[in-house]
N, C-alpha and C. Protein backbone atom coordinates (compact mmCIF):
# COMPACT_ATOMS: atom_id res chain seq x y z
N MET A 1 -71.33 -4.89 -11.88
CA MET A 1 -70.97 -3.71 -11.96
C MET A 1 -69.49 -4.64 -12.09
N LYS A 2 -68.88 -4.36 -13.41
CA LYS A 2 -67.21 -4.91 -13.82
C LYS A 2 -66.19 -3.87 -13.07
N LYS A 3 -65.32 -4.41 -12.21
CA LYS A 3 -64.50 -3.21 -11.72
C LYS A 3 -63.01 -3.94 -12.33
N LYS A 4 -62.27 -2.74 -12.58
CA LYS A 4 -61.02 -2.83 -13.63
C LYS A 4 -59.88 -2.45 -12.96
N TRP A 5 -58.63 -2.78 -12.58
CA TRP A 5 -57.42 -1.95 -12.10
C TRP A 5 -56.31 -2.46 -13.11
N ASN A 6 -55.66 -1.53 -13.51
CA ASN A 6 -53.86 -1.75 -14.18
C ASN A 6 -52.84 -1.78 -13.23
N VAL A 7 -52.41 -2.62 -12.94
CA VAL A 7 -51.29 -2.24 -11.63
C VAL A 7 -50.15 -2.49 -12.15
N MET A 8 -49.08 -1.68 -12.08
CA MET A 8 -47.49 -1.82 -12.35
C MET A 8 -46.53 -2.45 -11.51
N ILE A 9 -46.34 -3.67 -11.64
CA ILE A 9 -45.48 -4.68 -10.79
C ILE A 9 -43.95 -4.88 -11.58
N GLY A 10 -42.74 -4.20 -11.00
CA GLY A 10 -41.72 -4.10 -11.45
C GLY A 10 -41.69 -3.43 -12.69
N GLU A 11 -41.46 -3.71 -13.89
CA GLU A 11 -41.71 -3.28 -15.57
C GLU A 11 -42.91 -3.77 -16.01
N ARG A 12 -43.71 -4.29 -15.67
CA ARG A 12 -44.95 -5.19 -16.35
C ARG A 12 -45.97 -4.26 -15.53
N GLU A 13 -46.76 -3.82 -16.60
CA GLU A 13 -48.07 -3.76 -16.31
C GLU A 13 -49.44 -4.74 -16.42
N HIS A 14 -50.19 -5.05 -15.15
CA HIS A 14 -51.04 -6.50 -15.39
C HIS A 14 -52.43 -5.76 -14.79
N GLU A 15 -53.36 -6.34 -16.01
CA GLU A 15 -54.80 -5.88 -15.83
C GLU A 15 -55.65 -7.06 -14.99
N ILE A 16 -56.20 -6.39 -14.02
CA ILE A 16 -57.25 -7.49 -12.87
C ILE A 16 -58.45 -6.75 -13.12
N ILE A 17 -59.59 -7.74 -13.57
CA ILE A 17 -60.85 -7.46 -13.76
C ILE A 17 -61.83 -8.66 -12.56
N PHE A 18 -62.70 -7.68 -12.04
CA PHE A 18 -63.74 -8.43 -11.47
C PHE A 18 -64.85 -8.39 -12.20
N LYS A 19 -65.40 -9.76 -12.26
CA LYS A 19 -66.87 -9.70 -12.89
C LYS A 19 -67.83 -10.31 -11.96
N PRO A 20 -68.62 -9.61 -11.23
CA PRO A 20 -69.68 -10.02 -10.81
C PRO A 20 -70.67 -11.25 -11.30
N GLY A 21 -71.01 -11.97 -10.81
CA GLY A 21 -71.95 -13.29 -11.21
C GLY A 21 -73.38 -13.46 -10.66
N ALA A 22 -74.34 -14.10 -11.29
CA ALA A 22 -75.57 -14.38 -10.11
C ALA A 22 -75.42 -15.12 -8.93
N PHE A 23 -74.42 -16.14 -8.94
CA PHE A 23 -73.96 -16.69 -7.95
C PHE A 23 -72.66 -16.89 -7.63
N ARG A 24 -71.80 -16.42 -8.42
CA ARG A 24 -70.53 -16.41 -8.00
C ARG A 24 -69.74 -15.41 -9.04
N GLY A 25 -68.50 -14.71 -8.82
CA GLY A 25 -67.99 -14.20 -10.06
C GLY A 25 -66.90 -14.61 -10.44
N LYS A 26 -66.18 -13.91 -11.09
CA LYS A 26 -64.84 -13.89 -11.84
C LYS A 26 -64.09 -13.36 -11.60
N LYS A 27 -63.01 -13.69 -11.39
CA LYS A 27 -61.28 -12.62 -11.57
C LYS A 27 -60.49 -13.17 -12.71
N ILE A 28 -60.42 -11.88 -13.28
CA ILE A 28 -59.62 -12.24 -14.57
C ILE A 28 -58.46 -11.43 -14.37
N VAL A 29 -57.23 -12.29 -14.40
CA VAL A 29 -55.62 -11.88 -14.40
C VAL A 29 -55.36 -11.71 -15.25
N ASP A 30 -54.41 -11.00 -16.11
CA ASP A 30 -54.19 -10.63 -17.49
C ASP A 30 -54.87 -11.63 -18.28
N GLY A 31 -56.18 -11.64 -18.58
CA GLY A 31 -56.51 -12.80 -19.62
C GLY A 31 -57.19 -14.14 -19.24
N VAL A 32 -56.73 -14.26 -17.95
CA VAL A 32 -56.81 -15.66 -17.47
C VAL A 32 -57.97 -15.56 -16.31
N SER A 33 -59.27 -16.19 -16.50
CA SER A 33 -60.22 -16.37 -16.01
C SER A 33 -60.48 -17.29 -14.70
N THR A 34 -60.46 -16.92 -13.29
CA THR A 34 -60.86 -18.25 -12.49
C THR A 34 -62.02 -17.51 -11.76
N PRO A 35 -63.10 -18.39 -11.24
CA PRO A 35 -64.15 -17.99 -10.13
C PRO A 35 -63.90 -17.59 -9.09
N VAL A 36 -64.49 -17.11 -8.71
CA VAL A 36 -64.45 -16.40 -7.27
C VAL A 36 -65.42 -16.79 -6.04
N LYS A 37 -65.49 -17.45 -5.58
CA LYS A 37 -66.90 -18.18 -4.50
C LYS A 37 -66.82 -17.30 -3.20
N SER A 38 -67.94 -16.71 -3.06
CA SER A 38 -68.23 -15.87 -1.70
C SER A 38 -68.21 -16.73 -0.50
N THR A 39 -67.78 -16.51 0.89
CA THR A 39 -67.78 -17.20 1.68
C THR A 39 -68.93 -16.95 2.61
N SER A 40 -69.99 -16.24 2.05
CA SER A 40 -71.41 -16.01 2.89
C SER A 40 -72.38 -16.40 1.79
N MET A 41 -73.52 -17.04 2.07
CA MET A 41 -74.50 -17.17 1.15
C MET A 41 -75.68 -16.02 1.06
N PHE A 42 -75.72 -15.07 2.03
CA PHE A 42 -76.21 -14.34 2.01
C PHE A 42 -75.67 -12.34 1.49
N ILE A 43 -74.87 -12.66 1.26
CA ILE A 43 -74.02 -11.44 0.91
C ILE A 43 -72.66 -11.68 0.13
N ARG A 44 -72.19 -11.07 -1.13
CA ARG A 44 -70.63 -11.46 -1.39
C ARG A 44 -69.44 -10.93 -0.38
N VAL A 45 -68.67 -11.94 -0.19
CA VAL A 45 -67.90 -11.74 0.75
C VAL A 45 -66.54 -12.62 0.39
N PHE A 46 -65.40 -11.96 -0.08
CA PHE A 46 -64.41 -12.91 -0.11
C PHE A 46 -63.01 -12.04 -0.13
N ASP A 47 -61.69 -12.92 0.22
CA ASP A 47 -60.53 -12.00 0.24
C ASP A 47 -59.83 -13.11 -0.61
N GLU A 48 -59.45 -12.66 -1.70
CA GLU A 48 -58.43 -13.81 -2.50
C GLU A 48 -57.36 -12.96 -3.16
N PRO A 49 -56.37 -13.85 -2.60
CA PRO A 49 -54.83 -13.69 -2.96
C PRO A 49 -54.83 -13.93 -4.35
N ILE A 50 -53.82 -12.94 -5.02
CA ILE A 50 -53.32 -12.89 -6.72
C ILE A 50 -51.87 -12.86 -6.48
N GLU A 51 -51.34 -13.76 -6.98
CA GLU A 51 -49.57 -13.49 -6.56
C GLU A 51 -48.91 -13.28 -8.14
N LEU A 52 -48.55 -12.28 -7.94
CA LEU A 52 -47.80 -11.58 -9.22
C LEU A 52 -46.37 -11.40 -9.42
N GLU A 53 -45.75 -11.86 -9.90
CA GLU A 53 -44.39 -11.53 -9.70
C GLU A 53 -43.79 -11.66 -8.53
N GLY A 54 -43.94 -12.65 -7.55
CA GLY A 54 -43.60 -12.31 -6.03
C GLY A 54 -44.18 -11.38 -5.20
N LYS A 55 -45.20 -10.83 -5.63
CA LYS A 55 -46.01 -10.00 -5.03
C LYS A 55 -47.39 -10.50 -4.77
N THR A 56 -47.58 -10.56 -3.58
CA THR A 56 -49.48 -10.75 -3.18
C THR A 56 -50.34 -9.48 -3.09
N LEU A 57 -51.16 -9.62 -3.80
CA LEU A 57 -52.29 -8.69 -4.23
C LEU A 57 -53.60 -9.63 -3.63
N HIS A 58 -54.24 -8.75 -3.06
CA HIS A 58 -55.74 -8.97 -2.38
C HIS A 58 -56.88 -8.46 -2.94
N LEU A 59 -57.77 -9.54 -3.95
CA LEU A 59 -58.88 -8.83 -4.24
C LEU A 59 -60.32 -9.01 -3.32
N THR A 60 -60.50 -8.30 -2.83
CA THR A 60 -61.68 -8.26 -1.44
C THR A 60 -63.05 -7.69 -1.83
N ALA A 61 -63.98 -7.87 -1.19
CA ALA A 61 -65.02 -7.68 -1.45
C ALA A 61 -66.27 -7.90 -0.11
N ILE A 62 -66.90 -6.75 -0.07
CA ILE A 62 -68.07 -7.43 1.13
C ILE A 62 -69.32 -6.28 0.43
N GLY A 63 -70.24 -7.30 -0.03
CA GLY A 63 -71.23 -6.78 -0.68
C GLY A 63 -71.09 -6.44 -1.86
N SER A 64 -71.47 -5.10 -2.30
CA SER A 64 -71.40 -4.58 -3.73
C SER A 64 -69.70 -3.96 -3.68
N LYS A 65 -69.30 -3.57 -2.47
CA LYS A 65 -67.96 -3.08 -2.72
C LYS A 65 -66.43 -3.73 -2.66
N VAL A 66 -65.95 -3.75 -3.93
CA VAL A 66 -65.31 -4.22 -4.22
C VAL A 66 -63.89 -3.55 -4.35
N ASP A 67 -62.56 -4.20 -3.96
CA ASP A 67 -61.56 -3.40 -4.06
C ASP A 67 -60.19 -4.12 -4.43
N LEU A 68 -59.20 -3.53 -4.51
CA LEU A 68 -57.84 -4.45 -4.46
C LEU A 68 -56.94 -3.80 -4.07
N ALA A 69 -56.23 -4.39 -3.13
CA ALA A 69 -54.94 -4.04 -2.30
C ALA A 69 -53.90 -4.64 -2.79
N VAL A 70 -53.00 -3.59 -2.83
CA VAL A 70 -51.43 -3.55 -3.40
C VAL A 70 -50.76 -2.89 -2.57
N ASP A 71 -49.69 -3.59 -2.25
CA ASP A 71 -48.82 -3.51 -0.93
C ASP A 71 -49.28 -2.53 0.19
N ASP A 72 -50.42 -3.31 0.61
CA ASP A 72 -51.31 -3.26 1.79
C ASP A 72 -51.96 -1.91 1.81
N VAL A 73 -52.50 -1.50 0.64
CA VAL A 73 -53.27 -0.24 0.43
C VAL A 73 -54.56 -0.67 -0.44
N TYR A 74 -55.52 -0.56 -0.16
CA TYR A 74 -56.57 -0.14 -1.40
C TYR A 74 -56.08 0.35 -2.25
N LEU A 75 -56.61 -0.08 -3.59
CA LEU A 75 -56.43 1.07 -4.36
C LEU A 75 -57.56 2.35 -4.53
N ASN A 76 -58.99 1.00 -4.72
CA ASN A 76 -60.04 2.39 -4.72
C ASN A 76 -60.46 3.41 -3.49
N SER A 77 -60.03 2.78 -2.10
CA SER A 77 -60.67 3.26 -1.06
C SER A 77 -59.10 4.53 -0.37
N LYS A 78 -58.08 3.85 -0.96
CA LYS A 78 -56.53 4.19 -0.34
C LYS A 78 -56.55 4.01 0.93
N LYS A 79 -57.45 3.16 1.70
CA LYS A 79 -57.36 2.74 3.03
C LYS A 79 -56.25 1.48 2.91
N PRO A 80 -55.60 1.22 4.12
CA PRO A 80 -54.73 0.39 4.63
C PRO A 80 -55.43 -1.19 4.37
N TYR A 81 -54.71 -2.37 3.85
CA TYR A 81 -55.54 -3.27 3.71
C TYR A 81 -55.65 -4.20 5.35
N VAL A 82 -56.62 -4.87 5.41
CA VAL A 82 -56.68 -5.23 6.76
C VAL A 82 -57.50 -7.07 6.27
N PRO A 83 -57.11 -7.78 6.79
CA PRO A 83 -57.41 -9.12 6.08
C PRO A 83 -59.28 -9.44 6.53
N LEU A 84 -59.88 -9.81 5.82
CA LEU A 84 -61.20 -9.77 6.17
C LEU A 84 -61.19 -11.06 7.57
N ASN A 85 -62.33 -10.99 8.37
CA ASN A 85 -62.25 -11.87 8.95
C ASN A 85 -63.35 -13.08 8.57
N GLU A 86 -63.25 -14.37 8.98
CA GLU A 86 -63.99 -15.28 8.95
C GLU A 86 -65.57 -14.94 9.57
N ILE A 87 -66.63 -15.26 8.62
CA ILE A 87 -68.17 -14.80 9.42
C ILE A 87 -68.17 -16.06 10.46
N PRO A 88 -68.54 -15.31 11.55
CA PRO A 88 -69.27 -16.09 12.92
C PRO A 88 -70.35 -16.72 12.89
N ARG A 89 -70.20 -18.13 13.37
CA ARG A 89 -71.65 -18.83 13.60
C ARG A 89 -72.75 -17.98 14.00
N TRP A 90 -72.25 -17.19 14.95
CA TRP A 90 -73.46 -16.56 15.71
C TRP A 90 -73.73 -15.58 14.81
N ALA A 91 -73.54 -14.90 13.76
CA ALA A 91 -73.90 -14.03 12.91
C ALA A 91 -74.66 -15.07 11.96
N TYR A 92 -74.45 -16.26 11.55
CA TYR A 92 -75.38 -16.76 10.51
C TYR A 92 -76.69 -17.19 11.68
N GLY A 93 -76.54 -17.30 13.05
CA GLY A 93 -77.70 -18.01 13.84
C GLY A 93 -78.54 -16.81 13.68
N PHE A 94 -78.22 -15.47 14.10
CA PHE A 94 -78.76 -14.18 14.30
C PHE A 94 -79.81 -13.62 13.00
N THR A 95 -79.02 -14.12 12.14
CA THR A 95 -79.55 -13.66 10.69
C THR A 95 -80.51 -14.78 10.50
N ALA A 96 -80.32 -15.99 10.44
CA ALA A 96 -81.39 -17.12 10.45
C ALA A 96 -82.60 -16.88 10.93
N ALA A 97 -82.52 -16.46 12.10
CA ALA A 97 -83.67 -16.16 13.32
C ALA A 97 -84.47 -15.25 13.03
N ILE A 98 -83.97 -13.97 12.92
CA ILE A 98 -84.69 -13.00 12.13
C ILE A 98 -85.46 -12.94 10.94
N ILE A 99 -84.88 -13.64 10.19
CA ILE A 99 -85.57 -14.09 8.79
C ILE A 99 -86.62 -14.83 8.64
N ILE A 100 -86.69 -15.91 9.70
CA ILE A 100 -87.32 -16.96 10.04
C ILE A 100 -88.90 -16.57 10.96
N ILE A 101 -88.24 -15.94 12.17
CA ILE A 101 -89.28 -15.09 12.88
C ILE A 101 -89.85 -13.82 11.85
N GLY A 102 -89.46 -13.20 11.15
CA GLY A 102 -90.03 -12.23 10.24
C GLY A 102 -91.06 -12.45 9.66
N TRP A 103 -90.77 -13.94 8.73
CA TRP A 103 -91.89 -14.62 8.00
C TRP A 103 -92.66 -15.33 8.51
N ILE A 104 -92.35 -15.44 10.05
CA ILE A 104 -93.54 -16.11 10.49
C ILE A 104 -94.82 -15.04 11.45
N LEU A 105 -94.08 -13.85 11.45
CA LEU A 105 -94.84 -12.82 12.17
C LEU A 105 -95.18 -11.77 11.30
N SER A 106 -94.43 -11.78 10.01
CA SER A 106 -95.06 -10.46 9.21
C SER A 106 -95.02 -10.60 7.78
N GLY A 107 -94.96 -11.91 7.37
CA GLY A 107 -94.89 -12.27 6.31
C GLY A 107 -94.07 -11.77 5.23
N LEU A 108 -93.81 -11.46 3.95
CA LEU A 108 -93.18 -10.94 3.16
C LEU A 108 -92.54 -9.35 3.66
N PHE A 109 -92.85 -8.65 4.27
CA PHE A 109 -92.42 -7.42 4.81
C PHE A 109 -91.40 -7.67 6.05
N GLY A 110 -91.51 -8.65 7.05
CA GLY A 110 -90.62 -9.37 7.62
C GLY A 110 -89.52 -10.09 7.42
N LEU A 111 -89.79 -10.60 5.97
CA LEU A 111 -88.75 -11.05 5.77
C LEU A 111 -87.90 -10.20 5.02
N LEU A 112 -88.26 -8.95 4.32
CA LEU A 112 -87.60 -8.16 3.94
C LEU A 112 -86.82 -7.40 5.36
N VAL A 113 -87.42 -6.82 6.32
CA VAL A 113 -86.81 -6.49 7.39
C VAL A 113 -85.66 -7.62 8.09
N GLY A 114 -85.88 -8.76 7.92
CA GLY A 114 -84.96 -9.76 8.76
C GLY A 114 -83.94 -10.02 7.77
N THR A 115 -84.06 -9.81 6.24
CA THR A 115 -82.78 -10.04 5.03
C THR A 115 -82.15 -8.78 5.33
N MET A 116 -82.39 -7.57 5.41
CA MET A 116 -82.05 -6.49 5.50
C MET A 116 -80.88 -6.37 6.84
N GLY A 117 -81.99 -6.74 7.87
CA GLY A 117 -81.13 -6.97 9.47
C GLY A 117 -80.11 -8.00 9.25
N GLY A 118 -80.02 -9.05 8.61
CA GLY A 118 -78.92 -10.15 8.20
C GLY A 118 -78.03 -9.79 7.37
N VAL A 119 -77.84 -9.06 6.52
CA VAL A 119 -76.88 -7.82 5.86
C VAL A 119 -75.98 -7.33 7.02
N PHE A 120 -76.75 -6.42 7.61
CA PHE A 120 -75.82 -5.59 8.18
C PHE A 120 -75.19 -6.47 9.25
N ILE A 121 -75.84 -7.18 9.71
CA ILE A 121 -74.79 -8.29 10.74
C ILE A 121 -74.14 -9.09 10.40
N ILE A 122 -74.02 -9.49 9.09
CA ILE A 122 -72.84 -9.94 8.42
C ILE A 122 -71.80 -8.74 8.11
N LYS A 123 -72.02 -8.01 7.78
CA LYS A 123 -71.18 -6.84 7.29
C LYS A 123 -70.48 -6.53 8.38
N ARG A 124 -71.29 -6.50 9.55
CA ARG A 124 -70.87 -5.71 10.74
C ARG A 124 -69.91 -6.97 11.65
N SER A 125 -70.05 -8.20 11.54
CA SER A 125 -69.39 -9.24 12.10
C SER A 125 -68.05 -9.40 11.66
N ILE A 126 -67.88 -9.27 10.26
CA ILE A 126 -66.68 -9.16 9.91
C ILE A 126 -65.82 -8.02 9.75
N SER A 127 -66.43 -6.85 9.92
CA SER A 127 -65.66 -5.72 10.37
C SER A 127 -64.74 -5.73 10.62
N PRO A 128 -63.27 -5.41 10.49
CA PRO A 128 -61.78 -5.44 10.76
C PRO A 128 -62.18 -4.11 12.19
N ILE A 129 -62.96 -3.23 11.68
CA ILE A 129 -62.80 -2.04 12.45
C ILE A 129 -63.45 -2.29 13.93
N GLN A 130 -64.30 -3.21 13.91
CA GLN A 130 -65.24 -3.59 14.94
C GLN A 130 -64.70 -4.73 16.14
N LYS A 131 -64.21 -4.52 17.32
CA LYS A 131 -63.37 -5.44 18.18
C LYS A 131 -64.16 -6.22 18.86
N SER A 132 -65.58 -5.71 19.20
CA SER A 132 -66.69 -6.69 19.81
C SER A 132 -67.79 -6.46 18.91
N PRO A 133 -68.07 -7.02 17.69
CA PRO A 133 -69.33 -6.77 17.08
C PRO A 133 -70.75 -7.37 17.71
N MET A 134 -70.22 -8.32 18.41
CA MET A 134 -71.72 -8.93 18.56
C MET A 134 -72.93 -8.28 19.32
N PRO A 135 -72.38 -7.25 20.61
CA PRO A 135 -73.55 -6.28 21.05
C PRO A 135 -74.15 -5.58 20.32
N SER A 136 -73.51 -5.05 18.94
CA SER A 136 -74.38 -4.19 18.16
C SER A 136 -75.34 -5.17 17.20
N CYS A 137 -74.68 -6.56 16.76
CA CYS A 137 -75.31 -7.40 15.90
C CYS A 137 -76.88 -7.55 16.76
N LEU A 138 -76.48 -7.96 18.10
CA LEU A 138 -77.39 -8.41 19.04
C LEU A 138 -78.68 -7.34 18.97
N GLY A 139 -78.22 -5.99 19.20
CA GLY A 139 -79.02 -4.80 18.94
C GLY A 139 -79.87 -4.85 17.85
N VAL A 140 -79.43 -4.94 16.83
CA VAL A 140 -80.16 -4.94 15.27
C VAL A 140 -80.76 -6.26 15.26
N SER A 141 -80.52 -7.24 15.94
CA SER A 141 -81.58 -8.57 15.96
C SER A 141 -82.87 -8.13 16.58
N VAL A 142 -82.40 -7.56 17.62
CA VAL A 142 -83.67 -7.15 18.66
C VAL A 142 -84.54 -5.86 18.01
N LEU A 143 -83.82 -5.08 17.35
CA LEU A 143 -85.01 -4.14 16.71
C LEU A 143 -85.30 -4.60 15.45
N CYS A 144 -84.77 -5.83 14.52
CA CYS A 144 -85.61 -6.17 13.47
C CYS A 144 -86.84 -6.87 14.34
N VAL A 145 -86.81 -7.65 15.32
CA VAL A 145 -87.97 -8.13 15.53
C VAL A 145 -88.92 -7.62 16.38
N VAL A 146 -88.53 -6.46 16.97
CA VAL A 146 -89.53 -5.55 17.44
C VAL A 146 -90.62 -4.44 16.12
N ILE A 147 -89.56 -4.45 15.11
CA ILE A 147 -90.36 -3.85 13.89
C ILE A 147 -91.16 -5.23 13.29
N GLN A 148 -91.02 -6.28 13.43
CA GLN A 148 -91.57 -7.24 12.98
C GLN A 148 -92.79 -7.40 14.06
N PHE A 149 -92.84 -7.35 15.06
CA PHE A 149 -93.79 -7.55 16.14
C PHE A 149 -94.86 -6.32 15.99
N LEU A 150 -94.01 -5.07 15.65
CA LEU A 150 -94.97 -3.90 15.27
C LEU A 150 -95.99 -4.41 14.04
N CYS A 151 -95.10 -4.76 13.12
CA CYS A 151 -95.85 -4.93 11.77
C CYS A 151 -97.26 -5.95 12.02
N LEU A 152 -96.80 -7.19 12.91
CA LEU A 152 -98.01 -8.26 13.15
C LEU A 152 -99.04 -7.29 13.89
N PHE A 153 -98.79 -6.49 14.49
CA PHE A 153 -99.54 -5.84 15.46
C PHE A 153 -100.65 -4.86 14.57
N VAL A 154 -100.01 -3.98 13.62
CA VAL A 154 -100.53 -3.69 12.60
C VAL A 154 -101.76 -4.08 11.99
N ARG A 155 -100.87 -5.16 11.59
CA ARG A 155 -102.11 -6.15 10.56
C ARG A 155 -103.09 -6.77 11.27
N ILE A 156 -103.45 -7.05 12.77
CA ILE A 156 -103.98 -7.45 13.35
C ILE A 156 -105.30 -6.36 13.63
N ALA A 157 -104.76 -5.35 13.83
CA ALA A 157 -105.29 -4.20 14.44
C ALA A 157 -106.03 -3.67 12.94
N VAL A 158 -105.63 -3.77 11.76
CA VAL A 158 -106.33 -3.09 10.59
C VAL A 158 -107.61 -4.41 10.21
N ALA A 159 -107.16 -5.83 10.58
CA ALA A 159 -107.87 -6.55 10.44
C ALA A 159 -109.56 -6.90 11.17
N LEU A 160 -109.24 -5.79 12.39
CA LEU A 160 -110.31 -6.05 13.29
C LEU A 160 -111.18 -5.07 13.00
């Protein structure tokens, strides 16, 4: 879904558009298109600075939520701008582990549970609100594995 903002800087109005794509999106600033690459392979995450007339704007996204920060305030949510953290390696490890374990234990359903848990883990790990996201991410990982084991036991019980 295309997002569009019209921003007044000084005496001039600038049009900023974000168009999502299958693998990478495009930011269009005053008609000039440039690709935007996500920093995650599981979920759309980026924080793109845009320089206009000496001001720095930030086009950010976490998942499907795309917003533009002007003067350190997001235009859509009206919340203060906080730079996105880099995704820690342990978040990728947790995500890969629960996806692989889910596929081995429960097949397609386990893969789905692992993917949903992985998206939550990545979102939580870069959240500026969370001071220490690892405990909650570890809890989600354990919960996903428990659900995947339950699915395995149900499949075994039905097969008997």
